Protein backbone atom coordinates (compact mmCIF):
# COMPACT_ATOMS: atom_id res chain seq x y z
CA MET A 1 116.46 181.45 6.55
CA ILE A 2 113.03 180.81 4.06
CA ILE A 3 110.68 180.66 6.89
CA ASN A 4 112.15 183.07 8.62
CA ASP A 5 112.11 185.60 5.66
CA ILE A 6 108.22 184.58 5.77
CA LEU A 7 107.35 185.29 9.36
CA GLN A 8 109.50 188.58 9.26
CA VAL A 9 106.84 189.65 7.07
CA ILE A 10 104.04 189.42 9.59
CA TYR A 11 106.52 191.07 12.22
CA ALA A 12 109.51 193.21 10.62
CA PRO A 13 108.42 193.49 7.23
CA LYS A 14 110.59 196.40 6.27
CA LYS A 15 113.65 194.25 6.83
CA ALA A 16 112.34 191.09 5.24
CA PHE A 17 111.65 192.88 1.94
CA LYS A 18 115.28 194.55 1.95
CA GLN A 19 116.67 190.66 2.42
CA ILE A 20 114.09 189.35 -0.25
CA ILE A 21 114.81 191.82 -2.61
CA ASP A 22 118.43 191.72 -1.96
CA ASN A 23 118.51 187.88 -1.68
CA PRO A 24 115.39 187.08 -4.43
CA LYS A 25 114.46 183.20 -4.14
CA TYR A 26 111.55 181.29 -5.55
CA LEU A 27 111.62 178.98 -3.09
CA GLY A 28 110.10 181.36 0.10
CA ALA A 29 107.32 182.61 -2.56
CA LEU A 30 105.94 179.05 -3.75
CA ILE A 31 105.95 177.93 0.06
CA VAL A 32 103.60 180.78 0.52
CA LEU A 33 101.39 179.71 -2.76
CA ILE A 34 101.26 176.25 -1.14
CA LEU A 35 100.80 177.26 2.42
CA PHE A 36 97.36 179.14 0.96
CA ILE A 37 95.84 176.87 -1.17
CA GLY A 38 96.16 174.24 1.52
CA LEU A 39 94.46 176.51 3.78
CA GLU A 40 92.21 177.72 1.82
CA VAL A 41 90.62 174.09 0.52
CA GLY A 42 90.70 173.25 4.51
CA TYR A 43 88.49 176.23 4.82
CA GLU A 44 85.73 175.43 2.17
CA PHE A 45 86.17 171.53 3.29
CA SER A 46 85.37 172.68 7.21
CA GLN A 47 82.76 175.11 5.93
CA PHE A 48 81.35 172.12 3.78
CA SER A 49 81.12 169.72 6.53
CA LYS A 50 78.68 171.13 8.18
CA THR A 51 76.30 172.11 5.04
CA TYR A 52 74.09 169.72 4.63
CA THR A 53 71.45 169.84 1.44
CA GLU A 54 68.16 168.19 0.67
CA GLN A 55 68.19 165.21 -1.37
CA THR A 56 65.38 164.34 -3.44
CA THR A 57 64.43 160.88 -5.54
CA PRO A 58 64.00 161.74 -8.26
CA THR A 59 67.23 163.91 -8.56
CA ILE A 60 65.91 167.58 -7.78
CA ASP A 61 66.31 168.24 -11.59
CA GLN A 62 63.90 165.28 -13.04
CA LEU A 63 61.37 165.45 -10.52
CA GLY A 64 59.11 166.14 -12.90
CA THR A 65 59.89 162.14 -13.82
CA PHE A 66 57.30 160.91 -11.27
CA THR A 67 53.96 162.52 -12.73
CA ASN A 68 54.64 162.06 -16.57
CA ALA A 69 51.51 159.79 -17.26
CA THR A 70 53.72 157.28 -19.41
CA ALA A 71 55.90 156.35 -15.93
CA TRP A 72 52.19 154.94 -14.71
CA ARG A 73 49.63 152.59 -14.88
CA SER A 74 46.22 151.58 -14.46
CA SER A 75 42.59 149.35 -15.58
CA SER A 76 42.21 149.90 -19.38
CA ASN A 77 39.00 151.98 -18.37
CA VAL A 78 41.04 154.51 -16.63
CA ALA A 79 42.61 157.57 -18.71
CA LEU A 80 46.10 159.11 -17.83
CA THR A 81 47.24 161.31 -19.61
CA ASN A 82 49.57 164.26 -19.19
CA ASN A 83 47.43 167.82 -18.91
CA PHE A 84 49.46 170.96 -19.90
CA ASP A 85 46.70 173.27 -18.77
CA ASP A 86 46.62 172.86 -15.00
CA TYR A 87 49.85 172.07 -13.17
CA VAL A 88 52.46 172.72 -10.29
CA ASN A 89 53.97 175.70 -11.45
CA TYR A 90 56.74 176.65 -8.83
CA SER A 91 60.37 177.81 -10.43
CA ILE A 92 63.57 178.28 -8.07
CA TYR A 93 66.30 180.17 -8.71
CA VAL A 94 69.67 178.31 -9.99
CA ALA A 95 72.54 179.57 -9.23
CA GLY A 96 74.40 177.05 -11.21
CA PHE A 97 73.75 178.93 -14.38
CA GLY A 98 75.47 182.07 -13.29
CA LEU A 99 72.37 184.27 -13.75
CA PRO A 100 71.63 187.52 -11.14
CA PRO A 101 68.47 186.39 -9.14
CA THR A 102 66.60 189.26 -11.34
CA ASP A 103 67.14 187.29 -14.13
CA PRO A 104 63.68 185.32 -14.63
CA ASN A 105 65.67 183.37 -17.05
CA ALA A 106 67.44 181.96 -14.14
CA TYR A 107 65.05 180.23 -12.37
CA TYR A 108 63.97 176.60 -12.75
CA SER A 109 60.52 174.76 -12.80
CA LEU A 110 60.87 171.99 -10.07
CA PHE A 111 57.92 169.67 -11.33
CA GLY A 112 57.93 170.60 -15.37
CA ASN A 113 55.21 172.30 -17.13
CA SER A 114 52.07 169.24 -16.94
CA SER A 115 50.65 167.52 -14.16
CA MET A 116 49.71 163.27 -14.82
CA GLN A 117 45.48 163.27 -15.57
CA MET A 118 43.69 160.27 -14.09
CA SER A 119 39.82 160.52 -15.69
CA VAL A 120 37.15 158.02 -14.88
CA ALA A 121 33.53 157.68 -16.05
CA ASP A 122 30.55 156.19 -14.26
CA THR A 123 32.34 154.34 -11.41
CA ASN A 124 33.25 154.62 -7.72
CA ASN A 125 36.99 154.09 -7.97
CA ILE A 126 40.08 154.37 -9.37
CA THR A 127 43.21 152.96 -8.47
CA ALA A 128 46.71 154.02 -10.18
CA ALA A 129 49.58 152.72 -9.29
CA LEU A 130 54.09 153.54 -9.88
CA GLY A 131 54.94 150.44 -10.39
CA ASN A 132 59.06 149.44 -10.44
CA ALA A 133 60.44 152.69 -11.48
CA PHE A 134 62.23 153.70 -8.76
CA ASN A 135 64.32 151.53 -6.06
CA VAL A 136 64.47 154.48 -2.53
CA ASP A 137 65.98 153.83 1.11
CA CYS A 138 63.38 154.75 3.39
CA GLY A 139 65.59 153.47 5.97
CA SER A 140 66.93 155.01 8.94
CA SER A 141 69.10 157.38 7.20
CA GLY A 142 67.38 157.65 3.51
CA PHE A 143 64.45 159.56 2.53
CA GLN A 144 62.64 160.49 5.42
CA ASN A 145 59.28 162.00 3.11
CA LEU A 146 56.73 161.53 0.84
CA SER A 147 55.15 164.84 -0.88
CA ILE A 148 52.48 164.17 -3.19
CA THR A 149 50.71 167.26 -4.66
CA LEU A 150 47.47 166.27 -5.95
CA LYS A 151 44.02 168.23 -6.60
CA GLN A 152 40.49 166.66 -7.42
CA LEU A 153 38.30 167.61 -9.79
CA GLN A 154 35.80 165.67 -10.22
CA PRO A 155 33.52 164.56 -8.11
CA GLN A 156 32.74 167.19 -5.93
CA GLY A 157 32.61 165.24 -2.99
CA ALA A 158 35.72 164.14 -0.75
CA PRO A 159 36.63 161.00 -1.24
CA GLN A 160 35.40 158.02 1.05
CA SER A 161 38.23 156.34 1.88
CA ALA A 162 41.83 157.14 0.02
CA THR A 163 45.09 154.94 0.08
CA LEU A 164 48.73 155.17 -0.48
CA THR A 165 50.12 151.77 -0.30
CA LEU A 166 54.42 151.71 -1.26
CA TYR A 167 55.53 148.29 -2.45
CA SER A 168 58.77 146.65 -1.46
CA LEU A 169 61.24 144.51 -2.39
CA ASN A 170 59.61 144.50 -6.04
CA THR A 171 57.15 141.88 -4.80
CA THR A 172 52.96 142.55 -4.85
CA THR A 173 53.24 140.91 -1.20
CA ASP A 174 55.05 143.24 0.72
CA PHE A 175 54.08 147.25 1.36
CA TYR A 176 52.89 148.97 3.19
CA GLN A 177 49.74 151.08 3.50
CA TYR A 178 48.42 154.36 5.12
CA ASP A 179 45.45 156.49 4.93
CA LEU A 180 45.35 160.01 3.08
CA THR A 181 41.51 159.85 3.78
CA PRO A 182 41.80 162.60 6.62
CA GLN A 183 43.74 164.71 4.55
CA LEU A 184 41.08 164.75 1.93
CA SER A 185 37.84 164.75 3.69
CA SER A 186 36.87 168.72 3.47
CA THR A 187 35.46 169.21 0.52
CA SER A 188 37.10 172.61 0.96
CA THR A 189 40.04 171.28 -0.81
CA ILE A 190 37.85 169.87 -3.96
CA SER A 191 39.48 172.10 -6.70
CA GLN A 192 42.47 173.15 -4.87
CA TRP A 193 46.20 171.92 -4.71
CA ASN A 194 46.67 169.65 -1.71
CA ASN A 195 50.13 169.44 -0.55
CA LEU A 196 50.87 166.30 1.09
CA THR A 197 53.53 164.96 3.20
CA ILE A 198 53.71 161.63 4.63
CA THR A 199 57.24 160.92 6.87
CA LEU A 200 58.47 157.37 6.27
CA GLY A 201 61.02 154.98 7.79
CA PRO A 202 61.12 152.49 10.68
CA ASN A 203 59.96 155.14 12.83
CA ALA A 204 56.86 156.97 11.30
CA VAL A 205 53.56 156.03 12.09
CA GLY A 206 50.10 155.84 10.58
CA TRP A 207 51.82 152.59 8.16
CA THR A 208 49.92 149.64 7.74
CA PRO A 209 52.48 146.58 7.04
CA SER A 210 51.69 143.52 5.25
CA GLY A 211 53.89 140.33 4.08
CA ASN A 212 57.64 141.77 4.66
CA PRO A 213 58.64 144.84 3.44
CA ALA A 214 61.93 147.07 4.18
CA TRP A 215 61.82 150.05 4.16
CA SER A 216 65.29 150.34 2.81
CA ASN A 217 63.57 149.53 -0.27
CA VAL A 218 60.98 150.94 -1.29
CA THR A 219 59.92 150.35 -5.45
CA ALA A 220 56.00 150.89 -6.22
CA LEU A 221 53.28 153.22 -4.79
CA LYS A 222 49.79 153.23 -5.79
CA LEU A 223 47.09 155.69 -4.90
CA ASP A 224 43.70 154.35 -4.26
CA PHE A 225 40.57 156.42 -3.89
CA SER A 226 36.29 155.02 -3.91
CA TYR A 227 33.45 157.56 -3.23
CA PRO A 228 29.83 156.69 -2.18
CA SER A 229 28.66 157.13 -5.82
CA ASN A 230 28.82 156.16 -9.06
CA SER A 231 30.22 159.49 -10.93
CA ASN A 232 33.30 160.92 -12.81
CA ILE A 233 36.63 160.95 -11.50
CA THR A 234 38.95 164.01 -12.97
CA MET A 235 42.09 164.20 -10.39
CA HIS A 236 45.45 165.89 -10.98
CA ILE A 237 49.51 164.50 -9.39
CA GLY A 238 51.43 167.81 -10.38
CA ALA A 239 54.40 166.81 -7.54
CA LEU A 240 55.30 162.97 -6.49
CA PHE A 241 58.77 162.27 -4.51
CA PHE A 242 60.84 161.29 -2.07
CA HIS A 243 62.81 163.34 -0.44
CA GLY A 244 64.16 164.30 3.55
CA GLN A 245 68.17 163.21 2.98
CA TYR A 246 70.27 165.43 3.97
CA LEU A 247 73.83 165.22 3.03
CA THR A 248 77.36 167.33 2.74
CA PRO A 249 78.87 167.98 0.01
CA ILE A 250 81.38 165.88 0.99
CA GLU A 251 79.48 162.73 1.32
CA TYR A 252 78.45 162.73 -2.73
CA ASN A 253 81.39 164.58 -4.08
CA SER A 254 84.65 165.14 -2.24
CA THR A 255 86.54 164.56 -5.14
CA GLY A 256 84.73 167.09 -7.31
CA ILE A 257 84.82 169.52 -4.57
CA LEU A 258 88.87 168.92 -4.06
CA LEU A 259 89.82 169.63 -7.97
CA GLN A 260 87.46 172.58 -8.12
CA PHE A 261 88.97 173.90 -4.36
CA LEU A 262 92.47 173.99 -6.05
CA GLN A 263 91.72 175.46 -9.21
CA LEU A 264 90.27 178.50 -7.64
CA PHE A 265 92.56 178.83 -4.99
CA SER A 266 95.57 178.07 -7.34
CA LEU A 267 93.79 180.76 -10.02
CA GLN A 268 93.03 183.26 -7.44
CA PHE A 269 96.88 183.12 -6.01
CA ILE A 270 98.95 183.19 -9.06
CA PHE A 271 96.14 185.51 -10.81
CA ALA A 272 96.85 188.49 -8.06
CA TRP A 273 100.59 187.84 -7.53
CA PHE A 274 101.31 187.92 -11.37
CA ILE A 275 98.89 191.71 -11.69
CA LEU A 276 100.27 192.83 -9.07
CA THR A 277 103.52 192.57 -10.08
CA GLY A 278 102.60 193.50 -13.68
CA ILE A 279 100.79 195.93 -12.62
CA ILE A 280 103.36 198.02 -10.22
CA TYR A 281 105.94 197.24 -12.64
CA LEU A 282 104.51 198.83 -16.08
CA ILE A 283 103.58 202.02 -13.99
CA CYS A 284 107.17 202.07 -12.73
CA LYS A 285 108.19 201.67 -16.57
CA GLY A 286 105.95 204.73 -17.34
CA LEU A 287 106.99 206.47 -14.95
CA LYS A 288 110.74 206.37 -16.17
CA ASN A 289 111.83 205.01 -13.55
CA PRO A 290 111.18 201.02 -13.80
CA VAL A 291 112.07 198.11 -11.71
CA PHE A 292 113.78 194.82 -11.88
CA TRP A 293 111.12 191.89 -12.32
CA LYS A 294 112.07 189.51 -10.35
CA PRO A 295 112.82 190.99 -7.10
CA LEU A 296 109.25 192.55 -7.36
CA PHE A 297 107.65 189.71 -8.08
CA ILE A 298 109.45 187.10 -5.34
CA ALA A 299 108.60 190.14 -2.57
CA LEU A 300 105.17 190.35 -3.84
CA GLY A 301 104.86 186.85 -3.38
CA PHE A 302 106.25 187.17 0.23
CA ALA A 303 103.89 189.59 1.15
CA MET A 304 100.91 187.47 0.34
CA PHE A 305 102.02 185.45 3.29
CA ILE A 306 99.21 187.85 4.38
CA MET A 307 96.86 186.38 2.78
CA VAL A 308 97.82 182.78 4.08
CA ILE A 309 96.87 184.69 7.66
CA ARG A 310 93.44 185.89 6.42
CA ALA A 311 92.97 181.99 5.44
CA LEU A 312 94.18 180.91 8.49
CA VAL A 313 92.06 183.52 10.40
CA ASN A 314 88.78 181.70 8.04
CA LEU A 315 89.56 178.44 8.65
CA ALA A 316 89.16 179.11 12.14
CA ALA A 317 85.60 180.96 11.99
CA THR A 318 84.36 177.79 10.53
CA LEU A 319 84.33 177.15 13.98
CA THR A 320 81.38 179.09 14.53
CA LEU A 321 79.27 177.48 11.88
CA PRO A 322 76.59 175.32 13.15
CA ALA A 323 75.27 172.44 10.84
CA VAL A 324 73.04 174.67 8.47
CA TYR A 325 70.34 172.17 6.36
CA TYR A 326 69.18 173.46 2.77
CA PRO A 327 65.84 172.28 1.59
CA PHE A 328 65.40 171.11 -1.63
CA ASP A 329 64.44 173.96 -3.23
CA LEU A 330 67.12 176.50 -1.70
CA SER A 331 69.71 174.39 -2.24
CA LEU A 332 70.19 175.01 -5.59
CA GLY A 333 70.35 178.50 -5.11
CA VAL A 334 73.18 178.39 -3.26
CA ARG A 335 76.23 179.98 -4.50
CA PHE A 336 79.16 181.77 -3.43
CA ASP A 337 80.20 184.97 -2.88
CA PRO A 338 83.66 186.97 -3.86
CA TYR A 339 85.13 185.50 0.09
CA ALA A 340 83.87 182.01 -0.84
CA THR A 341 81.27 181.65 1.71
CA LEU A 342 78.37 179.81 1.50
CA TYR A 343 74.92 182.25 0.58
CA TYR A 344 71.48 182.14 -0.62
CA PRO A 345 70.30 185.73 -2.06
CA VAL A 346 67.82 187.54 -1.07
CA GLU A 347 66.33 188.60 -4.13
CA ALA A 348 64.97 184.80 -5.21
CA LEU A 349 63.28 184.68 -1.93
CA ARG A 350 60.57 186.00 -3.91
CA SER A 351 59.91 182.85 -5.48
CA LEU A 352 59.66 180.37 -2.63
CA PRO A 353 56.92 179.24 0.46
CA VAL A 354 56.65 180.92 3.91
CA ILE A 355 58.33 177.55 5.30
CA SER A 356 61.23 177.51 3.11
CA THR A 357 61.55 181.73 3.72
CA THR A 358 61.35 180.96 7.17
CA ILE A 359 64.39 178.02 6.76
CA PHE A 360 66.33 180.98 4.84
CA ASN A 361 66.15 183.87 7.25
CA SER A 362 67.45 181.13 10.21
CA ILE A 363 70.40 179.98 8.71
CA ASP A 364 70.95 184.09 7.37
CA SER A 365 70.93 184.43 11.57
CA ALA A 366 73.43 180.94 12.30
CA THR A 367 75.59 182.20 9.96
CA LEU A 368 76.25 185.77 10.96
CA VAL A 369 79.62 185.90 13.27
CA PHE A 370 80.81 183.55 9.96
CA ARG A 371 79.91 186.00 7.64
CA THR A 372 80.88 188.81 9.57
CA ILE A 373 84.94 187.63 10.56
CA VAL A 374 84.99 186.95 6.45
CA SER A 375 83.61 189.93 5.39
CA ALA A 376 86.10 191.67 7.91
CA MET A 377 89.09 189.81 7.10
CA PHE A 378 88.52 190.30 3.57
CA VAL A 379 88.53 194.18 3.94
CA VAL A 380 92.14 193.48 7.06
CA SER A 381 93.86 191.36 4.44
CA TYR A 382 93.85 193.33 1.43
CA VAL A 383 94.84 197.24 3.84
CA TRP A 384 97.70 195.24 5.08
CA LEU A 385 98.60 193.73 1.77
CA GLY A 386 98.07 197.17 0.06
CA ALA A 387 100.51 198.93 3.23
CA ALA A 388 103.28 195.40 2.87
CA GLY A 389 103.11 196.90 -1.24
CA ALA A 390 104.30 200.02 -0.38
CA MET A 391 106.86 198.47 1.79
CA VAL A 392 108.23 196.32 -1.02
CA ILE A 393 107.91 199.56 -3.65
CA GLY A 394 109.59 201.46 -0.62
CA ALA A 395 112.98 199.14 -0.79
CA LEU A 396 112.75 199.03 -4.33
CA LYS A 397 112.46 202.80 -5.11
CA PRO A 398 113.88 204.55 -1.78
CA GLU A 399 113.61 207.13 -3.71
CA PHE A 400 109.53 207.64 -4.13
CA SER A 401 107.69 209.52 -1.49
CA MET A 402 105.59 207.68 0.64
CA VAL A 403 101.99 209.39 -0.90
CA LYS A 404 103.66 207.90 -4.38
CA ARG A 405 104.01 204.54 -2.62
CA ILE A 406 101.05 203.88 -1.29
CA ALA A 407 99.07 205.52 -4.49
CA LEU A 408 101.18 203.06 -6.10
CA SER A 409 99.93 200.22 -4.02
CA THR A 410 96.86 201.09 -3.77
CA VAL A 411 95.84 201.72 -7.18
CA SER A 412 97.72 198.61 -8.20
CA LEU A 413 95.67 196.74 -5.72
CA ALA A 414 92.49 197.99 -6.35
CA ILE A 415 93.09 196.66 -10.34
CA VAL A 416 93.93 193.15 -8.67
CA ILE A 417 90.20 192.95 -6.62
CA LEU A 418 88.38 193.86 -9.61
CA LEU A 419 90.12 191.99 -12.20
CA LEU A 420 89.74 188.89 -9.58
CA VAL A 421 85.87 189.20 -9.73
CA PHE A 422 85.98 189.33 -13.35
CA LEU A 423 88.59 186.88 -14.36
CA VAL A 424 87.92 184.36 -10.61
CA GLY A 425 85.33 185.18 -9.29
CA ALA A 426 87.36 185.51 -5.83
CA VAL A 427 89.18 187.58 -3.77
């Protein structure tokens, strides 16, 4: 009987609300609540299972770690210091700060406010190593890229040779070497930040192994530069990090996501239910035409089965989503709109390079159908719920005119939507 009443809200609402008001039972409304939460959590899990974010080592909030001079070592004649006057100033939008993208405080400097400076006088070579500071999996399912941003200030000629060495297994005899010389051969790059991204892993080309290194266990790195003749050498390293591994939040934080959305959608439904009931109850009381709380409350709980239909359509809409891949500099800016749809705010793009903007445009285009369906269902569901609310009011107060029922339902729902945005952040 209760299930029939719930279904009748869709195909015979007037009859359903009359029966519910005549015999109000909490069980039906609770079933609607459970269905809504279950479908909405499923909707988010389906959305997150297709959303990949780029992981980094160090983690994205610690990317300045590998350019801190205290982590490096070199020969005694080489001075390793932190340079606070010349560094890579790369600020990205962070949705977790809870600030709009127009607020300067919503941005975070990825690589800190210093670079690692290597300086040596009257020599033709310089070496610096970042040793035993990490243990990185660069295997087939691990990190696929190593990025280095460096600037040579002295001498004014390109290095005769430049070598990157990645050590494995915490030994000095098992390593991979990569020749950086071709990427630094142009003198036009002198005194300019050079962004180098080197492919890693079993299928990467250009690496020469020595001993028995393992890509799944990279534990140190070294940079070697040599020049044709003795001179003063000064070089800055502004960014150095591993990246190129993409994971979904489901893969690394499924429990946290489950708890987050159980709370979010429970609050969304309960707040909407109580607030809508309370507003209609108080307005009727103010009009000197009071209603009983229980039948109104339970009837509106049944009416919110419409939101279950919305959640079901939204879940089905995730089938239109392709897998999308957010690079590390976009990933922290991904946020939820009021419909619980993931997006990156366009206003924050001004801080990103062209390549990241291009990726954003591709993601935006690929998710357009999904976002259109979800946005349309927001409008449809609340218009439908408003009509159902008017029917509930009519069943309780048949003496109210149709105009009064619609006005009362519309005003109440408008207030509910505003309060949900303010209190919960989701409608």
